[in-house]
Amino acid sequence: MTVLHFLHFLIDGFPVRHFILPLLAVTLCSLTAAAQEPIQPPADPQNFHLFVLAGQSNMAGRGKVEPQDQQPHPRVLALNKAGEWVPAVDPLHFDKPGIVGVGLGRSFAQAYADSHPGVVVGLIPCAVGGSPIDAWQPGGFHPSTKTHPWDDCVARVLPVLESGTLKGVLWHQGESDAKPELAATYETKLHEIVARFRTTLEAPCVPFIAGQMGQFEERPWDDSKKMVDKAHQRLPALVAVTAFVSSDDLKHKGDKVHFDAASYRELGQRYYAAYQQLTYRQQQSPGSTRPLKRVGDVFQRLGRLVPRPRKLLRRQR
């Protein structure tokens, strides 16, 4: 048998169907299982930096998972559904197992870890797809997932605080509140949830980063969505130690609602840039917890770190 005939035999014959393909399946399963083996976090809580991932589906992630998304970073962990620390590979969340995918948390954490040698990052996934902000109140219930987003989040976060240092809350939510009957009260509720996170987690100055909803030409924003967006953009002007992340130029996955995988990875990088910007300002003014006088101040003072969103430029002219 020639080499060519042998290759045809491998492709078309018995070995591929009955040996090679099952072997590949077993190998892939083994790699996935290894990536999910529990890991002991650092002994020193000061070297274990924790971030809460909260909000709805664009925080949970709906991007297509690719091989690069399942390559563990040696210093990035995630809290799994069972409350165990495991290597952070996508999907991080488990709110809707059939559709959850790549999100922004992992690229944020990788950027943070790369900028903080010797530190291990612990992500605490808590987002619930489709959840309105009212579900993020104590006792709030989300019928479609049969979950209590706020209560479940607190139940996951509080037990692990002793093992690490809480460094931030990342928030992406608002699509479910972009309705005439809900949008008018969204800003007040957003401010309340920032305060509630800080009070409940006993972290009065923990950074809170809010991301912008997707801007897609195929689905123009109505007045309700613009109102929710305004609440996000105004947050740094009204609430101390908060930041806003633009979604300019990001793309959707085809459903005109959720970002695609590449955009989620970019969005995570933007979250980290905003976090850098915010914490730099804190370092320059120790003890200062005053909100910015206006949204543009964050860009005027530290604009070299993160490009100023074009939409803000247009609106302030």
C-alpha atoms as a PDB file:
ATOM      1  CA  MET A   1       0.000   0.000   0.000  1.00  0.00           C
ATOM      2  CA  THR A   2       1.426   3.384  -0.982  1.00  0.00           C
ATOM      3  CA  VAL A   3       1.486   6.361   1.387  1.00  0.00           C
ATOM      4  CA  LEU A   4      -1.271   7.997  -0.653  1.00  0.00           C
ATOM      5  CA  HIS A   5      -3.447   4.874  -0.426  1.00  0.00           C
ATOM      6  CA  PHE A   6      -2.801   4.717   3.311  1.00  0.00           C
ATOM      7  CA  LEU A   7      -3.898   8.347   3.755  1.00  0.00           C
ATOM      8  CA  HIS A   8      -7.097   7.661   1.832  1.00  0.00           C
ATOM      9  CA  PHE A   9      -7.650   4.667   4.068  1.00  0.00           C
ATOM     10  CA  LEU A  10      -7.266   6.843   7.185  1.00  0.00           C
ATOM     11  CA  ILE A  11      -9.654   9.438   5.843  1.00  0.00           C
ATOM     12  CA  ASP A  12     -12.325   7.119   4.468  1.00  0.00           C
ATOM     13  CA  GLY A  13     -11.912   3.924   6.388  1.00  0.00           C
ATOM     14  CA  PHE A  14     -12.243   2.223   9.719  1.00  0.00           C
ATOM     15  CA  PRO A  15      -9.535   3.972  11.778  1.00  0.00           C
ATOM     16  CA  VAL A  16     -11.030   7.467  11.522  1.00  0.00           C
ATOM     17  CA  ARG A  17     -14.566   6.383  12.284  1.00  0.00           C
ATOM     18  CA  HIS A  18     -13.762   3.904  15.017  1.00  0.00           C
ATOM     19  CA  PHE A  19     -10.456   4.963  16.492  1.00  0.00           C
ATOM     20  CA  ILE A  20      -9.072   8.392  15.629  1.00  0.00           C
ATOM     21  CA  LEU A  21     -12.268  10.427  16.099  1.00  0.00           C
ATOM     22  CA  PRO A  22     -13.110   8.831  19.470  1.00  0.00           C
ATOM     23  CA  LEU A  23      -9.499   9.376  20.529  1.00  0.00           C
ATOM     24  CA  LEU A  24      -9.730  13.056  19.602  1.00  0.00           C
ATOM     25  CA  ALA A  25     -13.002  13.366  21.514  1.00  0.00           C
ATOM     26  CA  VAL A  26     -11.467  11.789  24.608  1.00  0.00           C
ATOM     27  CA  THR A  27      -8.422  14.066  24.326  1.00  0.00           C
ATOM     28  CA  LEU A  28     -10.569  17.196  24.069  1.00  0.00           C
ATOM     29  CA  CYS A  29     -12.693  16.115  27.015  1.00  0.00           C
ATOM     30  CA  SER A  30      -9.555  15.457  29.046  1.00  0.00           C
ATOM     31  CA  LEU A  31      -8.189  18.903  28.266  1.00  0.00           C
ATOM     32  CA  THR A  32     -11.489  20.533  29.205  1.00  0.00           C
ATOM     33  CA  ALA A  33     -11.666  18.579  32.441  1.00  0.00           C
ATOM     34  CA  ALA A  34      -8.086  19.524  33.309  1.00  0.00           C
ATOM     35  CA  ALA A  35      -8.895  23.194  32.739  1.00  0.00           C
ATOM     36  CA  GLN A  36     -11.756  22.874  35.237  1.00  0.00           C
ATOM     37  CA  GLU A  37      -9.773  21.208  38.029  1.00  0.00           C
ATOM     38  CA  PRO A  38     -10.101  23.256  41.255  1.00  0.00           C
ATOM     39  CA  ILE A  39      -7.080  25.404  42.127  1.00  0.00           C
ATOM     40  CA  GLN A  40      -6.029  26.710  45.510  1.00  0.00           C
ATOM     41  CA  PRO A  41      -5.853  30.542  45.497  1.00  0.00           C
ATOM     42  CA  PRO A  42      -2.821  32.398  46.851  1.00  0.00           C
ATOM     43  CA  ALA A  43      -2.334  32.170  50.605  1.00  0.00           C
ATOM     44  CA  ASP A  44      -1.956  35.936  50.915  1.00  0.00           C
ATOM     45  CA  PRO A  45      -5.284  37.715  50.237  1.00  0.00           C
ATOM     46  CA  GLN A  46      -3.346  40.810  49.162  1.00  0.00           C
ATOM     47  CA  ASN A  47      -2.070  38.876  46.153  1.00  0.00           C
ATOM     48  CA  PHE A  48      -5.491  37.624  45.098  1.00  0.00           C
ATOM     49  CA  HIS A  49      -7.471  40.425  43.425  1.00  0.00           C
ATOM     50  CA  LEU A  50     -11.193  39.821  43.034  1.00  0.00           C
ATOM     51  CA  PHE A  51     -13.633  41.262  40.490  1.00  0.00           C
ATOM     52  CA  VAL A  52     -17.394  40.795  40.405  1.00  0.00           C
ATOM     53  CA  LEU A  53     -18.970  40.396  36.943  1.00  0.00           C
ATOM     54  CA  ALA A  54     -22.602  41.517  37.134  1.00  0.00           C
ATOM     55  CA  GLY A  55     -25.442  42.514  34.831  1.00  0.00           C
ATOM     56  CA  GLN A  56     -27.217  40.697  32.026  1.00  0.00           C
ATOM     57  CA  SER A  57     -26.329  38.771  28.864  1.00  0.00           C
ATOM     58  CA  ASN A  58     -23.717  41.125  27.442  1.00  0.00           C
ATOM     59  CA  MET A  59     -21.756  40.668  30.651  1.00  0.00           C
ATOM     60  CA  ALA A  60     -22.347  36.928  30.750  1.00  0.00           C
ATOM     61  CA  GLY A  61     -21.204  36.731  27.119  1.00  0.00           C
ATOM     62  CA  ARG A  62     -22.778  35.289  24.008  1.00  0.00           C
ATOM     63  CA  GLY A  63     -19.770  35.241  21.679  1.00  0.00           C
ATOM     64  CA  LYS A  64     -18.661  32.139  19.796  1.00  0.00           C
ATOM     65  CA  VAL A  65     -16.024  30.276  21.781  1.00  0.00           C
ATOM     66  CA  GLU A  66     -12.764  29.697  19.890  1.00  0.00           C
ATOM     67  CA  PRO A  67      -9.600  27.808  20.902  1.00  0.00           C
ATOM     68  CA  GLN A  68      -7.933  31.026  22.096  1.00  0.00           C
ATOM     69  CA  ASP A  69     -10.752  31.515  24.594  1.00  0.00           C
ATOM     70  CA  GLN A  70     -10.007  28.212  26.283  1.00  0.00           C
ATOM     71  CA  GLN A  71      -6.299  28.715  26.823  1.00  0.00           C
ATOM     72  CA  PRO A  72      -5.856  29.285  30.580  1.00  0.00           C
ATOM     73  CA  HIS A  73      -3.808  32.220  31.844  1.00  0.00           C
ATOM     74  CA  PRO A  74      -1.586  31.030  34.707  1.00  0.00           C
ATOM     75  CA  ARG A  75      -2.749  33.867  36.973  1.00  0.00           C
ATOM     76  CA  VAL A  76      -6.427  34.234  36.095  1.00  0.00           C
ATOM     77  CA  LEU A  77      -9.027  32.153  37.932  1.00  0.00           C
ATOM     78  CA  ALA A  78     -12.825  32.104  37.940  1.00  0.00           C
ATOM     79  CA  LEU A  79     -15.327  30.987  40.560  1.00  0.00           C
ATOM     80  CA  ASN A  80     -17.365  28.178  39.012  1.00  0.00           C
ATOM     81  CA  LYS A  81     -20.996  27.325  39.724  1.00  0.00           C
ATOM     82  CA  ALA A  82     -19.954  25.042  42.579  1.00  0.00           C
ATOM     83  CA  GLY A  83     -18.011  27.849  44.265  1.00  0.00           C
ATOM     84  CA  GLU A  84     -14.578  26.476  43.350  1.00  0.00           C
ATOM     85  CA  TRP A  85     -11.664  28.399  41.873  1.00  0.00           C
ATOM     86  CA  VAL A  86     -10.756  27.038  38.434  1.00  0.00           C
ATOM     87  CA  PRO A  87      -8.728  28.317  35.463  1.00  0.00           C
ATOM     88  CA  ALA A  88     -10.685  31.097  33.757  1.00  0.00           C
ATOM     89  CA  VAL A  89     -11.683  29.822  30.329  1.00  0.00           C
ATOM     90  CA  ASP A  90     -14.760  30.827  28.368  1.00  0.00           C
ATOM     91  CA  PRO A  91     -17.577  30.490  28.932  1.00  0.00           C
ATOM     92  CA  LEU A  92     -17.155  31.889  32.440  1.00  0.00           C
ATOM     93  CA  HIS A  93     -20.870  32.177  33.151  1.00  0.00           C
ATOM     94  CA  PHE A  94     -23.563  29.525  33.505  1.00  0.00           C
ATOM     95  CA  ASP A  95     -26.758  31.592  33.473  1.00  0.00           C
ATOM     96  CA  LYS A  96     -28.023  29.983  30.253  1.00  0.00           C
ATOM     97  CA  PRO A  97     -25.777  26.991  29.505  1.00  0.00           C
ATOM     98  CA  GLY A  98     -27.093  26.418  25.998  1.00  0.00           C
ATOM     99  CA  ILE A  99     -26.141  29.854  24.678  1.00  0.00           C
ATOM    100  CA  VAL A 100     -23.516  31.318  27.012  1.00  0.00           C
ATOM    101  CA  GLY A 101     -20.147  32.010  25.374  1.00  0.00           C
ATOM    102  CA  VAL A 102     -17.275  34.463  25.212  1.00  0.00           C
ATOM    103  CA  GLY A 103     -17.711  37.560  27.364  1.00  0.00           C
ATOM    104  CA  LEU A 104     -15.607  40.533  28.395  1.00  0.00           C
ATOM    105  CA  GLY A 105     -14.407  39.254  31.775  1.00  0.00           C
ATOM    106  CA  ARG A 106     -11.520  37.107  30.622  1.00  0.00           C
ATOM    107  CA  SER A 107      -9.794  39.708  28.423  1.00  0.00           C
ATOM    108  CA  PHE A 108     -10.191  42.256  31.236  1.00  0.00           C
ATOM    109  CA  ALA A 109      -8.565  39.874  33.707  1.00  0.00           C
ATOM    110  CA  GLN A 110      -5.710  38.970  31.368  1.00  0.00           C
ATOM    111  CA  ALA A 111      -4.892  42.653  30.836  1.00  0.00           C
ATOM    112  CA  TYR A 112      -5.026  43.235  34.584  1.00  0.00           C
ATOM    113  CA  ALA A 113      -2.798  40.232  35.358  1.00  0.00           C
ATOM    114  CA  ASP A 114      -0.256  41.230  32.712  1.00  0.00           C
ATOM    115  CA  SER A 115      -0.010  44.681  34.334  1.00  0.00           C
ATOM    116  CA  HIS A 116       0.232  43.296  37.897  1.00  0.00           C
ATOM    117  CA  PRO A 117       3.071  40.742  38.063  1.00  0.00           C
ATOM    118  CA  GLY A 118       2.824  38.435  41.044  1.00  0.00           C
ATOM    119  CA  VAL A 119      -0.911  38.992  41.440  1.00  0.00           C
ATOM    120  CA  VAL A 120      -3.567  36.343  40.767  1.00  0.00           C
ATOM    121  CA  VAL A 121      -6.942  37.578  39.463  1.00  0.00           C
ATOM    122  CA  GLY A 122     -10.165  35.979  40.630  1.00  0.00           C
ATOM    123  CA  LEU A 123     -13.295  36.572  38.545  1.00  0.00           C
ATOM    124  CA  ILE A 124     -16.684  36.030  40.181  1.00  0.00           C
ATOM    125  CA  PRO A 125     -19.271  35.538  37.405  1.00  0.00           C
ATOM    126  CA  CYS A 126     -22.752  36.620  38.535  1.00  0.00           C
ATOM    127  CA  ALA A 127     -24.482  38.011  35.420  1.00  0.00           C
ATOM    128  CA  VAL A 128     -27.911  36.727  34.395  1.00  0.00           C
ATOM    129  CA  GLY A 129     -29.092  37.098  30.814  1.00  0.00           C
ATOM    130  CA  GLY A 130     -32.272  39.129  30.411  1.00  0.00           C
ATOM    131  CA  SER A 131     -32.319  40.401  33.989  1.00  0.00           C
ATOM    132  CA  PRO A 132     -33.737  43.913  34.511  1.00  0.00           C
ATOM    133  CA  ILE A 133     -32.213  46.117  37.181  1.00  0.00           C
ATOM    134  CA  ASP A 134     -35.158  45.411  39.522  1.00  0.00           C
ATOM    135  CA  ALA A 135     -33.971  41.800  39.692  1.00  0.00           C
ATOM    136  CA  TRP A 136     -30.764  43.177  41.209  1.00  0.00           C
ATOM    137  CA  GLN A 137     -32.511  44.200  44.396  1.00  0.00           C
ATOM    138  CA  PRO A 138     -32.634  42.069  47.551  1.00  0.00           C
ATOM    139  CA  GLY A 139     -35.268  39.414  46.956  1.00  0.00           C
ATOM    140  CA  GLY A 140     -35.545  40.282  43.264  1.00  0.00           C
ATOM    141  CA  PHE A 141     -36.642  37.359  41.084  1.00  0.00           C
ATOM    142  CA  HIS A 142     -35.931  36.714  37.407  1.00  0.00           C
ATOM    143  CA  PRO A 143     -38.665  34.385  36.095  1.00  0.00           C
ATOM    144  CA  SER A 144     -37.081  33.164  32.857  1.00  0.00           C
ATOM    145  CA  THR A 145     -33.990  31.798  34.631  1.00  0.00           C
ATOM    146  CA  LYS A 146     -35.765  31.155  37.943  1.00  0.00           C
ATOM    147  CA  THR A 147     -32.951  32.955  39.754  1.00  0.00           C
ATOM    148  CA  HIS A 148     -32.553  35.748  42.277  1.00  0.00           C
ATOM    149  CA  PRO A 149     -29.693  37.714  40.645  1.00  0.00           C
ATOM    150  CA  TRP A 150     -28.804  39.989  43.575  1.00  0.00           C
ATOM    151  CA  ASP A 151     -29.231  37.377  46.282  1.00  0.00           C
ATOM    152  CA  ASP A 152     -27.338  34.765  44.268  1.00  0.00           C
ATOM    153  CA  CYS A 153     -24.534  37.227  43.554  1.00  0.00           C
ATOM    154  CA  VAL A 154     -24.103  38.106  47.227  1.00  0.00           C
ATOM    155  CA  ALA A 155     -24.192  34.423  48.181  1.00  0.00           C
ATOM    156  CA  ARG A 156     -21.300  33.771  45.789  1.00  0.00           C
ATOM    157  CA  VAL A 157     -19.196  36.810  46.642  1.00  0.00           C
ATOM    158  CA  LEU A 158     -19.321  37.045  50.443  1.00  0.00           C
ATOM    159  CA  PRO A 159     -17.792  33.608  51.196  1.00  0.00           C
ATOM    160  CA  VAL A 160     -14.692  34.276  49.071  1.00  0.00           C
ATOM    161  CA  LEU A 161     -13.896  37.808  50.258  1.00  0.00           C
ATOM    162  CA  GLU A 162     -11.736  36.538  53.095  1.00  0.00           C
ATOM    163  CA  SER A 163      -9.455  34.739  50.646  1.00  0.00           C
ATOM    164  CA  GLY A 164      -8.818  37.789  48.464  1.00  0.00           C
ATOM    165  CA  THR A 165      -9.053  41.545  48.050  1.00  0.00           C
ATOM    166  CA  LEU A 166     -12.062  43.005  46.235  1.00  0.00           C
ATOM    167  CA  LYS A 167     -10.783  45.328  43.524  1.00  0.00           C
ATOM    168  CA  GLY A 168     -13.823  46.137  41.431  1.00  0.00           C
ATOM    169  CA  VAL A 169     -17.340  45.511  40.194  1.00  0.00           C
ATOM    170  CA  LEU A 170     -17.819  45.307  36.428  1.00  0.00           C
ATOM    171  CA  TRP A 171     -21.374  46.043  35.293  1.00  0.00           C
ATOM    172  CA  HIS A 172     -23.014  45.659  31.873  1.00  0.00           C
ATOM    173  CA  GLN A 173     -26.789  45.874  31.910  1.00  0.00           C
ATOM    174  CA  GLY A 174     -29.641  48.037  30.686  1.00  0.00           C
ATOM    175  CA  GLU A 175     -31.183  46.469  27.601  1.00  0.00           C
ATOM    176  CA  SER A 176     -34.039  44.974  29.643  1.00  0.00           C
ATOM    177  CA  ASP A 177     -34.815  48.402  31.111  1.00  0.00           C
ATOM    178  CA  ALA A 178     -34.857  50.270  27.798  1.00  0.00           C
ATOM    179  CA  LYS A 179     -38.657  50.514  27.860  1.00  0.00           C
ATOM    180  CA  PRO A 180     -40.853  53.590  28.396  1.00  0.00           C
ATOM    181  CA  GLU A 181     -42.204  52.314  31.713  1.00  0.00           C
ATOM    182  CA  LEU A 182     -38.746  51.490  33.109  1.00  0.00           C
ATOM    183  CA  ALA A 183     -36.185  53.851  31.591  1.00  0.00           C
ATOM    184  CA  ALA A 184     -37.237  56.937  33.559  1.00  0.00           C
ATOM    185  CA  THR A 185     -36.255  55.379  36.887  1.00  0.00           C
ATOM    186  CA  TYR A 186     -33.161  53.545  35.674  1.00  0.00           C
ATOM    187  CA  GLU A 187     -30.603  56.157  36.730  1.00  0.00           C
ATOM    188  CA  THR A 188     -31.841  56.241  40.324  1.00  0.00           C
ATOM    189  CA  LYS A 189     -31.754  52.454  40.518  1.00  0.00           C
ATOM    190  CA  LEU A 190     -28.268  52.342  39.005  1.00  0.00           C
ATOM    191  CA  HIS A 191     -26.970  54.689  41.683  1.00  0.00           C
ATOM    192  CA  GLU A 192     -28.689  52.577  44.320  1.00  0.00           C
ATOM    193  CA  ILE A 193     -27.049  49.385  43.131  1.00  0.00           C
ATOM    194  CA  VAL A 194     -23.594  50.978  43.235  1.00  0.00           C
ATOM    195  CA  ALA A 195     -24.248  51.980  46.843  1.00  0.00           C
ATOM    196  CA  ARG A 196     -25.701  48.547  47.650  1.00  0.00           C
ATOM    197  CA  PHE A 197     -22.655  46.714  46.319  1.00  0.00           C
ATOM    198  CA  ARG A 198     -20.367  48.916  48.374  1.00  0.00           C
ATOM    199  CA  THR A 199     -22.409  48.612  51.556  1.00  0.00           C
ATOM    200  CA  THR A 200     -23.096  44.882  51.313  1.00  0.00           C
ATOM    201  CA  LEU A 201     -19.512  43.990  50.434  1.00  0.00           C
ATOM    202  CA  GLU A 202     -18.123  46.500  52.970  1.00  0.00           C
ATOM    203  CA  ALA A 203     -16.069  48.213  50.292  1.00  0.00           C
ATOM    204  CA  PRO A 204     -17.152  51.883  50.302  1.00  0.00           C
ATOM    205  CA  CYS A 205     -14.722  52.979  47.597  1.00  0.00           C
ATOM    206  CA  VAL A 206     -14.541  49.903  45.362  1.00  0.00           C
ATOM    207  CA  PRO A 207     -14.417  50.936  41.686  1.00  0.00           C
ATOM    208  CA  PHE A 208     -17.617  50.358  39.717  1.00  0.00           C
ATOM    209  CA  ILE A 209     -17.256  50.216  35.919  1.00  0.00           C
ATOM    210  CA  ALA A 210     -20.351  50.441  33.703  1.00  0.00           C
ATOM    211  CA  GLY A 211     -20.286  49.559  30.007  1.00  0.00           C
ATOM    212  CA  GLN A 212     -22.320  51.007  27.169  1.00  0.00           C
ATOM    213  CA  MET A 213     -24.997  48.966  25.446  1.00  0.00           C
ATOM    214  CA  GLY A 214     -24.388  47.863  21.880  1.00  0.00           C
ATOM    215  CA  GLN A 215     -24.716  50.521  19.167  1.00  0.00           C
ATOM    216  CA  PHE A 216     -25.780  48.794  15.991  1.00  0.00           C
ATOM    217  CA  GLU A 217     -26.954  50.565  12.843  1.00  0.00           C
ATOM    218  CA  GLU A 218     -29.443  47.814  12.086  1.00  0.00           C
ATOM    219  CA  ARG A 219     -31.278  48.552  15.347  1.00  0.00           C
ATOM    220  CA  PRO A 220     -31.396  52.318  16.045  1.00  0.00           C
ATOM    221  CA  TRP A 221     -31.925  53.406  19.646  1.00  0.00           C
ATOM    222  CA  ASP A 222     -35.309  54.746  20.694  1.00  0.00           C
ATOM    223  CA  ASP A 223     -35.814  57.371  23.405  1.00  0.00           C
ATOM    224  CA  SER A 224     -35.928  54.778  26.178  1.00  0.00           C
ATOM    225  CA  LYS A 225     -32.579  53.280  25.237  1.00  0.00           C
ATOM    226  CA  LYS A 226     -31.062  56.749  24.958  1.00  0.00           C
ATOM    227  CA  MET A 227     -32.288  57.478  28.471  1.00  0.00           C
ATOM    228  CA  VAL A 228     -30.651  54.352  29.870  1.00  0.00           C
ATOM    229  CA  ASP A 229     -27.458  55.187  27.971  1.00  0.00           C
ATOM    230  CA  LYS A 230     -27.484  58.681  29.445  1.00  0.00           C
ATOM    231  CA  ALA A 231     -27.596  57.154  32.931  1.00  0.00           C
ATOM    232  CA  HIS A 232     -24.518  55.078  32.117  1.00  0.00           C
ATOM    233  CA  GLN A 233     -22.611  58.008  30.628  1.00  0.00           C
ATOM    234  CA  ARG A 234     -23.491  60.371  33.490  1.00  0.00           C
ATOM    235  CA  LEU A 235     -22.461  57.913  36.188  1.00  0.00           C
ATOM    236  CA  PRO A 236     -18.877  59.217  36.675  1.00  0.00           C
ATOM    237  CA  ALA A 237     -20.233  62.754  37.055  1.00  0.00           C
ATOM    238  CA  LEU A 238     -22.690  61.800  39.775  1.00  0.00           C
ATOM    239  CA  VAL A 239     -21.252  58.837  41.688  1.00  0.00           C
ATOM    240  CA  ALA A 240     -17.712  58.709  43.059  1.00  0.00           C
ATOM    241  CA  VAL A 241     -15.158  56.115  41.948  1.00  0.00           C
ATOM    242  CA  THR A 242     -17.094  54.988  38.883  1.00  0.00           C
ATOM    243  CA  ALA A 243     -16.262  54.882  35.187  1.00  0.00           C
ATOM    244  CA  PHE A 244     -18.001  54.506  31.846  1.00  0.00           C
ATOM    245  CA  VAL A 245     -16.826  52.335  28.934  1.00  0.00           C
ATOM    246  CA  SER A 246     -17.787  53.155  25.348  1.00  0.00           C
ATOM    247  CA  SER A 247     -19.009  50.526  22.876  1.00  0.00           C
ATOM    248  CA  ASP A 248     -18.129  52.613  19.815  1.00  0.00           C
ATOM    249  CA  ASP A 249     -17.354  50.579  16.684  1.00  0.00           C
ATOM    250  CA  LEU A 250     -18.052  47.186  18.250  1.00  0.00           C
ATOM    251  CA  LYS A 251     -20.007  44.652  16.206  1.00  0.00           C
ATOM    252  CA  HIS A 252     -22.903  42.314  16.980  1.00  0.00           C
ATOM    253  CA  LYS A 253     -22.910  38.546  16.464  1.00  0.00           C
ATOM    254  CA  GLY A 254     -25.785  38.682  13.991  1.00  0.00           C
ATOM    255  CA  ASP A 255     -28.697  39.166  16.393  1.00  0.00           C
ATOM    256  CA  LYS A 256     -28.364  42.981  16.716  1.00  0.00           C
ATOM    257  CA  VAL A 257     -28.239  42.609  20.516  1.00  0.00           C
ATOM    258  CA  HIS A 258     -25.100  40.771  21.597  1.00  0.00           C
ATOM    259  CA  PHE A 259     -21.514  41.583  20.687  1.00  0.00           C
ATOM    260  CA  ASP A 260     -19.483  39.111  18.683  1.00  0.00           C
ATOM    261  CA  ALA A 261     -16.516  37.339  20.264  1.00  0.00           C
ATOM    262  CA  ALA A 262     -13.881  39.762  18.936  1.00  0.00           C
ATOM    263  CA  SER A 263     -15.886  42.711  20.230  1.00  0.00           C
ATOM    264  CA  TYR A 264     -16.232  41.138  23.680  1.00  0.00           C
ATOM    265  CA  ARG A 265     -12.464  40.710  23.835  1.00  0.00           C
ATOM    266  CA  GLU A 266     -12.003  44.352  22.833  1.00  0.00           C
ATOM    267  CA  LEU A 267     -14.638  45.480  25.328  1.00  0.00           C
ATOM    268  CA  GLY A 268     -12.788  43.709  28.135  1.00  0.00           C
ATOM    269  CA  GLN A 269      -9.646  45.604  27.170  1.00  0.00           C
ATOM    270  CA  ARG A 270     -11.614  48.849  27.297  1.00  0.00           C
ATOM    271  CA  TYR A 271     -12.943  47.993  30.732  1.00  0.00           C
ATOM    272  CA  TYR A 272      -9.397  47.523  31.939  1.00  0.00           C
ATOM    273  CA  ALA A 273      -8.267  50.812  30.360  1.00  0.00           C
ATOM    274  CA  ALA A 274     -11.129  52.586  32.146  1.00  0.00           C
ATOM    275  CA  TYR A 275     -10.190  50.837  35.385  1.00  0.00           C
ATOM    276  CA  GLN A 276      -6.581  51.980  34.983  1.00  0.00           C
ATOM    277  CA  GLN A 277      -7.759  55.494  34.360  1.00  0.00           C
ATOM    278  CA  LEU A 278      -9.986  55.519  37.414  1.00  0.00           C
ATOM    279  CA  THR A 279      -7.467  54.018  39.818  1.00  0.00           C
ATOM    280  CA  TYR A 280      -4.748  56.357  38.532  1.00  0.00           C
ATOM    281  CA  ARG A 281      -6.926  59.293  39.466  1.00  0.00           C
ATOM    282  CA  GLN A 282      -7.439  57.795  42.924  1.00  0.00           C
ATOM    283  CA  GLN A 283      -3.681  57.420  43.361  1.00  0.00           C
ATOM    284  CA  GLN A 284      -3.103  61.024  42.322  1.00  0.00           C
ATOM    285  CA  SER A 285      -5.685  62.260  44.847  1.00  0.00           C
ATOM    286  CA  PRO A 286      -5.482  59.891  47.839  1.00  0.00           C
ATOM    287  CA  GLY A 287      -8.620  59.932  49.943  1.00  0.00           C
ATOM    288  CA  SER A 288     -10.655  61.714  47.277  1.00  0.00           C
ATOM    289  CA  THR A 289     -14.036  60.072  46.693  1.00  0.00           C
ATOM    290  CA  ARG A 290     -15.752  63.004  45.042  1.00  0.00           C
ATOM    291  CA  PRO A 291     -17.483  62.376  41.738  1.00  0.00           C
ATOM    292  CA  LEU A 292     -16.193  64.241  38.726  1.00  0.00           C
ATOM    293  CA  LYS A 293     -17.796  67.644  38.199  1.00  0.00           C
ATOM    294  CA  ARG A 294     -18.839  66.565  34.739  1.00  0.00           C
ATOM    295  CA  VAL A 295     -18.453  63.490  32.557  1.00  0.00           C
ATOM    296  CA  GLY A 296     -15.750  65.087  30.407  1.00  0.00           C
ATOM    297  CA  ASP A 297     -13.384  65.651  33.329  1.00  0.00           C
ATOM    298  CA  VAL A 298     -12.242  62.050  33.326  1.00  0.00           C
ATOM    299  CA  PHE A 299     -11.067  62.462  29.742  1.00  0.00           C
ATOM    300  CA  GLN A 300      -9.549  65.922  30.295  1.00  0.00           C
ATOM    301  CA  ARG A 301      -7.515  64.773  33.280  1.00  0.00           C
ATOM    302  CA  LEU A 302      -6.469  61.344  32.054  1.00  0.00           C
ATOM    303  CA  GLY A 303      -7.494  61.314  28.415  1.00  0.00           C
ATOM    304  CA  ARG A 304      -4.141  60.065  27.221  1.00  0.00           C
ATOM    305  CA  LEU A 305      -4.789  56.670  28.787  1.00  0.00           C
ATOM    306  CA  VAL A 306      -8.070  55.939  27.003  1.00  0.00           C
ATOM    307  CA  PRO A 307      -9.305  57.516  23.766  1.00  0.00           C
ATOM    308  CA  ARG A 308     -12.253  59.759  24.408  1.00  0.00           C
ATOM    309  CA  PRO A 309     -15.474  58.226  22.971  1.00  0.00           C
ATOM    310  CA  ARG A 310     -16.484  60.088  19.846  1.00  0.00           C
ATOM    311  CA  LYS A 311     -20.120  60.252  20.924  1.00  0.00           C
ATOM    312  CA  LEU A 312     -19.209  62.191  24.049  1.00  0.00           C
ATOM    313  CA  LEU A 313     -17.151  64.563  21.942  1.00  0.00           C
ATOM    314  CA  ARG A 314     -20.082  65.218  19.668  1.00  0.00           C
ATOM    315  CA  ARG A 315     -22.546  65.720  22.514  1.00  0.00           C
ATOM    316  CA  GLN A 316     -20.375  68.175  24.443  1.00  0.00           C
ATOM    317  CA  ARG A 317     -19.695  70.492  21.516  1.00  0.00           C
END
